[in-house]
């Protein structure tokens, strides 16, 4: 993009972490910002921060797993600002645990938010992005969308899916003479966010079950709790979300597809890809095996 001044930027998962940092960065660049998040209090607090920057801002409580909720987000955006130029499909949740210990509700919750949230966003906003004179769409995947990390199967599946969708979209937009839509995928490593506490937003009907009934007190297996605790500890010392947001904005200005917050992790990704090229069984070279 040549400029973000006066552009309309929609960010999902906008009330915390990378989403909040993106929203503040767009506002600082002169964009009109639409905040979408499922958490009321955090959403309103982020809106207040952006208002302090004298930037036009709209906050819309949105559940990205609900197609109707995303449709309403799109409609309110168009009604308020008359169009959309930037979409960041950023909302996501995570969680750990071995495949053998997963319940179907674990798969559904993670995939509904992290993959279907992206699909819903593209379905409703892409036609309007194509109509815009200049636009850009970014979806947040993960380095776990480039290599399979043990103990994170639902998360890996969702993030691999996000990378595949965005790479496909990049090829399609590149070949569409009527579209001027830049496409990026963000694959962050360890960033200081609250994704490790995403269970706070998990709906009751997708909580773990004991027998045939939902157990509000049911806990994940010990191995999953230990893995989640390790992830939470790593996140405390992770990259500042503001640094990631800066990388995303630079990618949009440069019309660059790949955004990797931690390029040093490419060694692991390249190792995986080389084993694929050699048709070797996959192995890991890093502490992901711990």
C-alpha atoms as a PDB file:
ATOM      1  CA  UNK A   1       0.000   0.000   0.000  1.00  0.00           C
ATOM      2  CA  UNK A   2       1.186   3.521  -0.717  1.00  0.00           C
ATOM      3  CA  UNK A   3      -0.488   5.035   2.331  1.00  0.00           C
ATOM      4  CA  UNK A   4      -2.736   4.069   5.220  1.00  0.00           C
ATOM      5  CA  UNK A   5      -3.887   7.594   5.930  1.00  0.00           C
ATOM      6  CA  UNK A   6      -7.673   7.671   5.684  1.00  0.00           C
ATOM      7  CA  UNK A   7      -7.865   3.954   4.910  1.00  0.00           C
ATOM      8  CA  UNK A   8     -10.288   1.697   6.786  1.00  0.00           C
ATOM      9  CA  UNK A   9      -8.591  -1.129   8.697  1.00  0.00           C
ATOM     10  CA  UNK A  10     -10.540  -3.987  10.304  1.00  0.00           C
ATOM     11  CA  UNK A  11      -8.760  -6.104  12.923  1.00  0.00           C
ATOM     12  CA  UNK A  12     -10.183  -9.199  14.602  1.00  0.00           C
ATOM     13  CA  UNK A  13      -8.842 -10.250  17.982  1.00  0.00           C
ATOM     14  CA  UNK A  14      -8.160  -6.538  18.344  1.00  0.00           C
ATOM     15  CA  UNK A  15      -8.429  -6.161  22.116  1.00  0.00           C
ATOM     16  CA  UNK A  16      -5.136  -7.762  23.113  1.00  0.00           C
ATOM     17  CA  UNK A  17      -1.758  -8.991  21.925  1.00  0.00           C
ATOM     18  CA  UNK A  18      -0.874  -8.694  18.255  1.00  0.00           C
ATOM     19  CA  UNK A  19      -4.364  -7.517  17.331  1.00  0.00           C
ATOM     20  CA  UNK A  20      -4.214  -4.590  19.737  1.00  0.00           C
ATOM     21  CA  UNK A  21      -0.724  -3.679  18.562  1.00  0.00           C
ATOM     22  CA  UNK A  22      -1.889  -3.753  14.943  1.00  0.00           C
ATOM     23  CA  UNK A  23      -4.863  -1.537  15.757  1.00  0.00           C
ATOM     24  CA  UNK A  24      -2.676   1.050  17.495  1.00  0.00           C
ATOM     25  CA  UNK A  25      -0.176   0.949  14.632  1.00  0.00           C
ATOM     26  CA  UNK A  26      -2.883   1.537  12.010  1.00  0.00           C
ATOM     27  CA  UNK A  27      -4.250   4.425  14.041  1.00  0.00           C
ATOM     28  CA  UNK A  28      -0.783   5.958  14.298  1.00  0.00           C
ATOM     29  CA  UNK A  29      -0.514   5.752  10.502  1.00  0.00           C
ATOM     30  CA  UNK A  30      -3.742   7.740  10.122  1.00  0.00           C
ATOM     31  CA  UNK A  31      -6.121   4.880   9.363  1.00  0.00           C
ATOM     32  CA  UNK A  32      -9.699   4.605  10.506  1.00  0.00           C
ATOM     33  CA  UNK A  33      -9.791   1.503  12.691  1.00  0.00           C
ATOM     34  CA  UNK A  34     -12.511  -1.073  13.274  1.00  0.00           C
ATOM     35  CA  UNK A  35     -11.869  -3.174  16.377  1.00  0.00           C
ATOM     36  CA  UNK A  36     -13.460  -6.632  16.553  1.00  0.00           C
ATOM     37  CA  UNK A  37     -13.176  -8.862  19.594  1.00  0.00           C
ATOM     38  CA  UNK A  38     -15.270 -11.175  21.734  1.00  0.00           C
ATOM     39  CA  UNK A  39     -14.220  -9.574  25.046  1.00  0.00           C
ATOM     40  CA  UNK A  40     -16.317  -6.516  25.909  1.00  0.00           C
ATOM     41  CA  UNK A  41     -14.170  -4.850  28.565  1.00  0.00           C
ATOM     42  CA  UNK A  42     -10.882  -5.281  26.725  1.00  0.00           C
ATOM     43  CA  UNK A  43     -12.527  -4.095  23.509  1.00  0.00           C
ATOM     44  CA  UNK A  44     -13.760  -0.899  25.110  1.00  0.00           C
ATOM     45  CA  UNK A  45     -10.385  -0.275  26.754  1.00  0.00           C
ATOM     46  CA  UNK A  46      -8.613  -0.580  23.405  1.00  0.00           C
ATOM     47  CA  UNK A  47     -11.132   1.767  21.814  1.00  0.00           C
ATOM     48  CA  UNK A  48     -10.338   4.331  24.516  1.00  0.00           C
ATOM     49  CA  UNK A  49      -6.606   4.060  23.777  1.00  0.00           C
ATOM     50  CA  UNK A  50      -7.167   4.670  20.074  1.00  0.00           C
ATOM     51  CA  UNK A  51      -9.540   7.561  20.735  1.00  0.00           C
ATOM     52  CA  UNK A  52      -6.683   9.135  22.695  1.00  0.00           C
ATOM     53  CA  UNK A  53      -4.727   9.170  19.428  1.00  0.00           C
ATOM     54  CA  UNK A  54      -7.530  11.222  17.811  1.00  0.00           C
ATOM     55  CA  UNK A  55      -8.102   8.433  15.314  1.00  0.00           C
ATOM     56  CA  UNK A  56     -11.580   7.500  14.054  1.00  0.00           C
ATOM     57  CA  UNK A  57     -12.429   4.166  15.670  1.00  0.00           C
ATOM     58  CA  UNK A  58     -15.332   1.746  15.792  1.00  0.00           C
ATOM     59  CA  UNK A  59     -15.554  -1.140  18.271  1.00  0.00           C
ATOM     60  CA  UNK A  60     -17.780  -4.101  17.396  1.00  0.00           C
ATOM     61  CA  UNK A  61     -18.155  -7.123  19.632  1.00  0.00           C
ATOM     62  CA  UNK A  62     -17.593 -10.036  17.263  1.00  0.00           C
ATOM     63  CA  UNK A  63     -17.455 -13.806  17.553  1.00  0.00           C
ATOM     64  CA  UNK A  64     -15.446 -14.921  14.518  1.00  0.00           C
ATOM     65  CA  UNK A  65     -16.761 -18.475  14.866  1.00  0.00           C
ATOM     66  CA  UNK A  66     -20.243 -17.138  14.096  1.00  0.00           C
ATOM     67  CA  UNK A  67     -20.734 -16.351  10.414  1.00  0.00           C
ATOM     68  CA  UNK A  68     -23.629 -14.005  11.205  1.00  0.00           C
ATOM     69  CA  UNK A  69     -21.496 -12.085  13.687  1.00  0.00           C
ATOM     70  CA  UNK A  70     -18.792 -11.512  11.065  1.00  0.00           C
ATOM     71  CA  UNK A  71     -21.440 -10.547   8.511  1.00  0.00           C
ATOM     72  CA  UNK A  72     -22.707  -7.914  10.966  1.00  0.00           C
ATOM     73  CA  UNK A  73     -19.145  -6.671  11.504  1.00  0.00           C
ATOM     74  CA  UNK A  74     -18.788  -6.180   7.764  1.00  0.00           C
ATOM     75  CA  UNK A  75     -22.160  -4.456   7.444  1.00  0.00           C
ATOM     76  CA  UNK A  76     -21.455  -2.037  10.320  1.00  0.00           C
ATOM     77  CA  UNK A  77     -18.012  -1.253   8.884  1.00  0.00           C
ATOM     78  CA  UNK A  78     -19.469  -0.376   5.494  1.00  0.00           C
ATOM     79  CA  UNK A  79     -22.314   1.613   7.035  1.00  0.00           C
ATOM     80  CA  UNK A  80     -19.960   3.626   9.242  1.00  0.00           C
ATOM     81  CA  UNK A  81     -16.981   4.197   6.957  1.00  0.00           C
ATOM     82  CA  UNK A  82     -18.326   3.451   3.490  1.00  0.00           C
ATOM     83  CA  UNK A  83     -15.758   0.806   2.578  1.00  0.00           C
ATOM     84  CA  UNK A  84     -12.802  -1.252   3.739  1.00  0.00           C
ATOM     85  CA  UNK A  85      -9.144  -1.271   2.664  1.00  0.00           C
ATOM     86  CA  UNK A  86      -7.374  -3.472   5.179  1.00  0.00           C
ATOM     87  CA  UNK A  87      -8.471  -6.704   6.831  1.00  0.00           C
ATOM     88  CA  UNK A  88      -6.440  -8.457   9.502  1.00  0.00           C
ATOM     89  CA  UNK A  89      -7.877 -11.882  10.330  1.00  0.00           C
ATOM     90  CA  UNK A  90      -5.978 -12.077  13.587  1.00  0.00           C
ATOM     91  CA  UNK A  91      -8.274 -13.750  16.140  1.00  0.00           C
ATOM     92  CA  UNK A  92      -6.978 -17.112  17.327  1.00  0.00           C
ATOM     93  CA  UNK A  93      -6.788 -19.463  20.278  1.00  0.00           C
ATOM     94  CA  UNK A  94      -4.345 -22.168  21.260  1.00  0.00           C
ATOM     95  CA  UNK A  95      -3.916 -25.103  23.561  1.00  0.00           C
ATOM     96  CA  UNK A  96      -1.716 -28.098  24.049  1.00  0.00           C
ATOM     97  CA  UNK A  97      -2.146 -31.822  24.383  1.00  0.00           C
ATOM     98  CA  UNK A  98      -1.307 -35.086  22.681  1.00  0.00           C
ATOM     99  CA  UNK A  99      -3.575 -36.285  19.879  1.00  0.00           C
ATOM    100  CA  UNK A 100      -4.488 -39.388  21.885  1.00  0.00           C
ATOM    101  CA  UNK A 101      -5.838 -37.184  24.691  1.00  0.00           C
ATOM    102  CA  UNK A 102      -7.829 -34.686  22.607  1.00  0.00           C
ATOM    103  CA  UNK A 103     -11.595 -34.547  22.753  1.00  0.00           C
ATOM    104  CA  UNK A 104     -13.610 -33.501  19.726  1.00  0.00           C
ATOM    105  CA  UNK A 105     -14.567 -30.269  21.485  1.00  0.00           C
ATOM    106  CA  UNK A 106     -10.847 -29.400  21.707  1.00  0.00           C
ATOM    107  CA  UNK A 107     -10.475 -29.723  17.948  1.00  0.00           C
ATOM    108  CA  UNK A 108     -13.680 -27.850  17.223  1.00  0.00           C
ATOM    109  CA  UNK A 109     -12.949 -24.889  19.469  1.00  0.00           C
ATOM    110  CA  UNK A 110      -9.454 -24.229  18.119  1.00  0.00           C
ATOM    111  CA  UNK A 111     -10.370 -24.803  14.470  1.00  0.00           C
ATOM    112  CA  UNK A 112     -13.606 -22.793  14.699  1.00  0.00           C
ATOM    113  CA  UNK A 113     -11.741 -19.716  15.950  1.00  0.00           C
ATOM    114  CA  UNK A 114      -8.362 -19.976  14.252  1.00  0.00           C
ATOM    115  CA  UNK A 115      -9.403 -21.356  10.855  1.00  0.00           C
ATOM    116  CA  UNK A 116     -13.110 -20.680  10.390  1.00  0.00           C
ATOM    117  CA  UNK A 117     -12.574 -17.167  11.730  1.00  0.00           C
ATOM    118  CA  UNK A 118     -10.278 -16.516   8.764  1.00  0.00           C
ATOM    119  CA  UNK A 119     -12.724 -18.133   6.334  1.00  0.00           C
ATOM    120  CA  UNK A 120     -15.626 -16.063   7.641  1.00  0.00           C
ATOM    121  CA  UNK A 121     -13.566 -12.880   7.389  1.00  0.00           C
ATOM    122  CA  UNK A 122     -12.526 -13.548   3.804  1.00  0.00           C
ATOM    123  CA  UNK A 123     -16.028 -14.584   2.773  1.00  0.00           C
ATOM    124  CA  UNK A 124     -17.612 -11.323   3.885  1.00  0.00           C
ATOM    125  CA  UNK A 125     -14.847  -8.772   3.380  1.00  0.00           C
ATOM    126  CA  UNK A 126     -12.974  -9.937   0.270  1.00  0.00           C
ATOM    127  CA  UNK A 127     -15.595  -8.700  -2.242  1.00  0.00           C
ATOM    128  CA  UNK A 128     -15.314  -5.212  -0.739  1.00  0.00           C
ATOM    129  CA  UNK A 129     -11.517  -5.335  -0.639  1.00  0.00           C
ATOM    130  CA  UNK A 130     -11.547  -6.178  -4.346  1.00  0.00           C
ATOM    131  CA  UNK A 131     -13.838  -3.217  -5.029  1.00  0.00           C
ATOM    132  CA  UNK A 132     -11.486  -0.826  -3.233  1.00  0.00           C
ATOM    133  CA  UNK A 133      -8.945   1.177  -5.212  1.00  0.00           C
ATOM    134  CA  UNK A 134      -6.177  -0.299  -3.066  1.00  0.00           C
ATOM    135  CA  UNK A 135      -6.420  -2.904  -0.320  1.00  0.00           C
ATOM    136  CA  UNK A 136      -4.566  -5.531   1.660  1.00  0.00           C
ATOM    137  CA  UNK A 137      -5.570  -8.619   3.618  1.00  0.00           C
ATOM    138  CA  UNK A 138      -3.425 -10.295   6.262  1.00  0.00           C
ATOM    139  CA  UNK A 139      -4.207 -13.400   8.275  1.00  0.00           C
ATOM    140  CA  UNK A 140      -2.332 -14.502  11.370  1.00  0.00           C
ATOM    141  CA  UNK A 141      -1.051 -18.060  11.160  1.00  0.00           C
ATOM    142  CA  UNK A 142       2.005 -19.207  13.133  1.00  0.00           C
ATOM    143  CA  UNK A 143       5.367 -20.837  12.713  1.00  0.00           C
ATOM    144  CA  UNK A 144       3.223 -23.865  13.653  1.00  0.00           C
ATOM    145  CA  UNK A 145       1.642 -23.407  10.238  1.00  0.00           C
ATOM    146  CA  UNK A 146       5.001 -24.162   8.626  1.00  0.00           C
ATOM    147  CA  UNK A 147       6.044 -27.184  10.687  1.00  0.00           C
ATOM    148  CA  UNK A 148       4.188 -29.597  12.937  1.00  0.00           C
ATOM    149  CA  UNK A 149       4.953 -28.993  16.605  1.00  0.00           C
ATOM    150  CA  UNK A 150       4.283 -32.003  18.900  1.00  0.00           C
ATOM    151  CA  UNK A 151       1.413 -31.581  21.336  1.00  0.00           C
ATOM    152  CA  UNK A 152      -0.414 -28.927  19.304  1.00  0.00           C
ATOM    153  CA  UNK A 153      -2.311 -30.891  16.667  1.00  0.00           C
ATOM    154  CA  UNK A 154      -5.524 -28.789  16.554  1.00  0.00           C
ATOM    155  CA  UNK A 155      -3.493 -25.572  16.512  1.00  0.00           C
ATOM    156  CA  UNK A 156      -1.108 -26.927  13.870  1.00  0.00           C
ATOM    157  CA  UNK A 157      -4.026 -28.039  11.696  1.00  0.00           C
ATOM    158  CA  UNK A 158      -5.697 -24.633  11.895  1.00  0.00           C
ATOM    159  CA  UNK A 159      -2.515 -22.698  11.196  1.00  0.00           C
ATOM    160  CA  UNK A 160      -1.399 -24.927   8.310  1.00  0.00           C
ATOM    161  CA  UNK A 161      -4.875 -24.285   6.913  1.00  0.00           C
ATOM    162  CA  UNK A 162      -4.496 -20.518   7.270  1.00  0.00           C
ATOM    163  CA  UNK A 163      -1.160 -20.581   5.425  1.00  0.00           C
ATOM    164  CA  UNK A 164      -2.677 -22.695   2.631  1.00  0.00           C
ATOM    165  CA  UNK A 165      -5.694 -20.395   2.231  1.00  0.00           C
ATOM    166  CA  UNK A 166      -3.612 -17.239   2.150  1.00  0.00           C
ATOM    167  CA  UNK A 167      -1.047 -18.680  -0.258  1.00  0.00           C
ATOM    168  CA  UNK A 168      -3.899 -19.707  -2.543  1.00  0.00           C
ATOM    169  CA  UNK A 169      -5.430 -16.245  -2.267  1.00  0.00           C
ATOM    170  CA  UNK A 170      -2.085 -14.640  -3.083  1.00  0.00           C
ATOM    171  CA  UNK A 171      -1.890 -16.594  -6.350  1.00  0.00           C
ATOM    172  CA  UNK A 172      -5.499 -15.781  -7.200  1.00  0.00           C
ATOM    173  CA  UNK A 173      -5.205 -12.056  -6.523  1.00  0.00           C
ATOM    174  CA  UNK A 174      -1.912 -11.943  -8.419  1.00  0.00           C
ATOM    175  CA  UNK A 175      -3.709 -13.350 -11.461  1.00  0.00           C
ATOM    176  CA  UNK A 176      -6.862 -11.244 -11.173  1.00  0.00           C
ATOM    177  CA  UNK A 177      -6.628  -8.165 -13.443  1.00  0.00           C
ATOM    178  CA  UNK A 178      -9.585  -6.546 -11.679  1.00  0.00           C
ATOM    179  CA  UNK A 179      -8.126  -6.795  -8.178  1.00  0.00           C
ATOM    180  CA  UNK A 180      -5.503  -4.661  -6.479  1.00  0.00           C
ATOM    181  CA  UNK A 181      -5.368  -6.659  -3.269  1.00  0.00           C
ATOM    182  CA  UNK A 182      -2.126  -7.336  -1.468  1.00  0.00           C
ATOM    183  CA  UNK A 183      -2.003 -10.564   0.539  1.00  0.00           C
ATOM    184  CA  UNK A 184       0.166 -11.462   3.533  1.00  0.00           C
ATOM    185  CA  UNK A 185       0.369 -14.244   6.079  1.00  0.00           C
ATOM    186  CA  UNK A 186       1.884 -13.659   9.502  1.00  0.00           C
ATOM    187  CA  UNK A 187       3.764 -16.606  11.001  1.00  0.00           C
ATOM    188  CA  UNK A 188       4.910 -15.453  14.435  1.00  0.00           C
ATOM    189  CA  UNK A 189       7.102 -17.351  16.832  1.00  0.00           C
ATOM    190  CA  UNK A 190       6.913 -16.672  20.558  1.00  0.00           C
ATOM    191  CA  UNK A 191       5.227 -13.290  21.096  1.00  0.00           C
ATOM    192  CA  UNK A 192       4.164 -11.771  24.421  1.00  0.00           C
ATOM    193  CA  UNK A 193       0.394 -12.289  24.166  1.00  0.00           C
ATOM    194  CA  UNK A 194      -2.287 -13.859  26.355  1.00  0.00           C
ATOM    195  CA  UNK A 195      -3.047 -16.744  23.976  1.00  0.00           C
ATOM    196  CA  UNK A 196      -2.051 -19.153  26.745  1.00  0.00           C
ATOM    197  CA  UNK A 197      -5.109 -17.999  28.724  1.00  0.00           C
ATOM    198  CA  UNK A 198      -7.512 -18.221  25.792  1.00  0.00           C
ATOM    199  CA  UNK A 199      -9.601 -20.742  27.750  1.00  0.00           C
ATOM    200  CA  UNK A 200     -11.251 -17.737  29.414  1.00  0.00           C
ATOM    201  CA  UNK A 201     -13.263 -17.229  26.221  1.00  0.00           C
ATOM    202  CA  UNK A 202     -14.071 -20.866  25.534  1.00  0.00           C
ATOM    203  CA  UNK A 203     -17.865 -21.315  25.277  1.00  0.00           C
ATOM    204  CA  UNK A 204     -19.559 -23.817  27.548  1.00  0.00           C
ATOM    205  CA  UNK A 205     -20.749 -26.051  24.728  1.00  0.00           C
ATOM    206  CA  UNK A 206     -17.140 -26.578  23.611  1.00  0.00           C
ATOM    207  CA  UNK A 207     -15.657 -27.322  27.004  1.00  0.00           C
ATOM    208  CA  UNK A 208     -14.247 -30.749  27.773  1.00  0.00           C
ATOM    209  CA  UNK A 209     -16.671 -33.509  28.677  1.00  0.00           C
ATOM    210  CA  UNK A 210     -16.710 -36.279  31.210  1.00  0.00           C
ATOM    211  CA  UNK A 211     -18.819 -39.102  29.854  1.00  0.00           C
ATOM    212  CA  UNK A 212     -21.797 -37.598  28.039  1.00  0.00           C
ATOM    213  CA  UNK A 213     -22.065 -34.379  30.011  1.00  0.00           C
ATOM    214  CA  UNK A 214     -20.088 -31.165  30.022  1.00  0.00           C
ATOM    215  CA  UNK A 215     -17.911 -30.930  33.118  1.00  0.00           C
ATOM    216  CA  UNK A 216     -17.251 -27.314  34.036  1.00  0.00           C
ATOM    217  CA  UNK A 217     -14.386 -28.430  36.283  1.00  0.00           C
ATOM    218  CA  UNK A 218     -12.840 -30.929  33.869  1.00  0.00           C
ATOM    219  CA  UNK A 219      -9.138 -30.320  33.377  1.00  0.00           C
ATOM    220  CA  UNK A 220      -6.908 -31.218  30.495  1.00  0.00           C
ATOM    221  CA  UNK A 221      -4.612 -34.210  31.013  1.00  0.00           C
ATOM    222  CA  UNK A 222      -1.484 -33.580  33.063  1.00  0.00           C
ATOM    223  CA  UNK A 223       0.754 -33.599  29.987  1.00  0.00           C
ATOM    224  CA  UNK A 224      -1.386 -30.913  28.365  1.00  0.00           C
ATOM    225  CA  UNK A 225      -1.356 -28.745  31.484  1.00  0.00           C
ATOM    226  CA  UNK A 226       2.426 -29.047  31.705  1.00  0.00           C
ATOM    227  CA  UNK A 227       2.788 -28.127  28.047  1.00  0.00           C
ATOM    228  CA  UNK A 228       0.449 -25.142  28.394  1.00  0.00           C
ATOM    229  CA  UNK A 229       2.354 -23.941  31.460  1.00  0.00           C
ATOM    230  CA  UNK A 230       5.614 -24.116  29.497  1.00  0.00           C
ATOM    231  CA  UNK A 231       4.040 -22.147  26.649  1.00  0.00           C
ATOM    232  CA  UNK A 232       2.754 -19.501  29.076  1.00  0.00           C
ATOM    233  CA  UNK A 233       6.204 -19.155  30.643  1.00  0.00           C
ATOM    234  CA  UNK A 234       7.813 -18.727  27.216  1.00  0.00           C
ATOM    235  CA  UNK A 235       5.264 -16.112  26.203  1.00  0.00           C
ATOM    236  CA  UNK A 236       6.169 -13.907  29.171  1.00  0.00           C
ATOM    237  CA  UNK A 237       9.602 -13.400  27.600  1.00  0.00           C
ATOM    238  CA  UNK A 238       8.363 -13.315  24.017  1.00  0.00           C
ATOM    239  CA  UNK A 239       8.703 -10.589  21.415  1.00  0.00           C
ATOM    240  CA  UNK A 240       6.775  -7.388  22.031  1.00  0.00           C
ATOM    241  CA  UNK A 241       3.574  -7.361  19.931  1.00  0.00           C
ATOM    242  CA  UNK A 242       4.412  -3.866  18.756  1.00  0.00           C
ATOM    243  CA  UNK A 243       7.470  -5.209  16.944  1.00  0.00           C
ATOM    244  CA  UNK A 244       5.286  -7.734  15.153  1.00  0.00           C
ATOM    245  CA  UNK A 245       2.789  -5.047  14.175  1.00  0.00           C
ATOM    246  CA  UNK A 246       5.608  -2.978  12.709  1.00  0.00           C
ATOM    247  CA  UNK A 247       6.699  -5.955  10.604  1.00  0.00           C
ATOM    248  CA  UNK A 248       3.141  -6.439   9.351  1.00  0.00           C
ATOM    249  CA  UNK A 249       2.774  -2.803   8.331  1.00  0.00           C
ATOM    250  CA  UNK A 250       6.111  -2.909   6.516  1.00  0.00           C
ATOM    251  CA  UNK A 251       4.966  -6.016   4.633  1.00  0.00           C
ATOM    252  CA  UNK A 252       1.800  -4.211   3.577  1.00  0.00           C
ATOM    253  CA  UNK A 253       3.737  -1.188   2.334  1.00  0.00           C
ATOM    254  CA  UNK A 254       6.112  -3.504   0.457  1.00  0.00           C
ATOM    255  CA  UNK A 255       3.323  -5.814  -0.772  1.00  0.00           C
ATOM    256  CA  UNK A 256       5.182  -8.769   0.741  1.00  0.00           C
ATOM    257  CA  UNK A 257       3.485 -12.103   1.425  1.00  0.00           C
ATOM    258  CA  UNK A 258       5.570 -13.769   4.143  1.00  0.00           C
ATOM    259  CA  UNK A 259       5.854 -12.113   7.564  1.00  0.00           C
ATOM    260  CA  UNK A 260       8.004 -14.154   9.947  1.00  0.00           C
ATOM    261  CA  UNK A 261       8.590 -12.500  13.286  1.00  0.00           C
ATOM    262  CA  UNK A 262      11.450 -14.854  14.141  1.00  0.00           C
ATOM    263  CA  UNK A 263      13.410 -15.619  10.933  1.00  0.00           C
ATOM    264  CA  UNK A 264      15.837 -17.767  12.913  1.00  0.00           C
ATOM    265  CA  UNK A 265      13.092 -20.392  13.031  1.00  0.00           C
ATOM    266  CA  UNK A 266      13.505 -20.846   9.291  1.00  0.00           C
ATOM    267  CA  UNK A 267      16.285 -23.316  10.091  1.00  0.00           C
ATOM    268  CA  UNK A 268      13.655 -25.669  11.529  1.00  0.00           C
ATOM    269  CA  UNK A 269      11.245 -24.980   8.676  1.00  0.00           C
ATOM    270  CA  UNK A 270      13.951 -25.566   6.060  1.00  0.00           C
ATOM    271  CA  UNK A 271      14.929 -28.794   7.819  1.00  0.00           C
ATOM    272  CA  UNK A 272      11.343 -29.980   7.564  1.00  0.00           C
ATOM    273  CA  UNK A 273      11.074 -28.984   3.908  1.00  0.00           C
ATOM    274  CA  UNK A 274      14.352 -30.662   2.997  1.00  0.00           C
ATOM    275  CA  UNK A 275      13.207 -33.907   4.585  1.00  0.00           C
ATOM    276  CA  UNK A 276      10.043 -33.637   2.496  1.00  0.00           C
ATOM    277  CA  UNK A 277      12.127 -33.086  -0.638  1.00  0.00           C
ATOM    278  CA  UNK A 278      14.207 -36.136   0.267  1.00  0.00           C
ATOM    279  CA  UNK A 279      11.077 -38.161   1.175  1.00  0.00           C
ATOM    280  CA  UNK A 280      12.544 -38.800   4.627  1.00  0.00           C
ATOM    281  CA  UNK A 281      10.504 -39.375   7.758  1.00  0.00           C
ATOM    282  CA  UNK A 282      10.124 -36.060   9.612  1.00  0.00           C
ATOM    283  CA  UNK A 283      12.346 -35.196  12.565  1.00  0.00           C
ATOM    284  CA  UNK A 284      12.847 -32.047  14.648  1.00  0.00           C
ATOM    285  CA  UNK A 285      16.125 -30.322  15.389  1.00  0.00           C
ATOM    286  CA  UNK A 286      14.954 -27.975  18.137  1.00  0.00           C
ATOM    287  CA  UNK A 287      13.573 -27.962  21.662  1.00  0.00           C
ATOM    288  CA  UNK A 288      10.049 -28.509  20.263  1.00  0.00           C
ATOM    289  CA  UNK A 289      10.692 -32.174  21.087  1.00  0.00           C
ATOM    290  CA  UNK A 290      10.853 -31.372  24.836  1.00  0.00           C
END
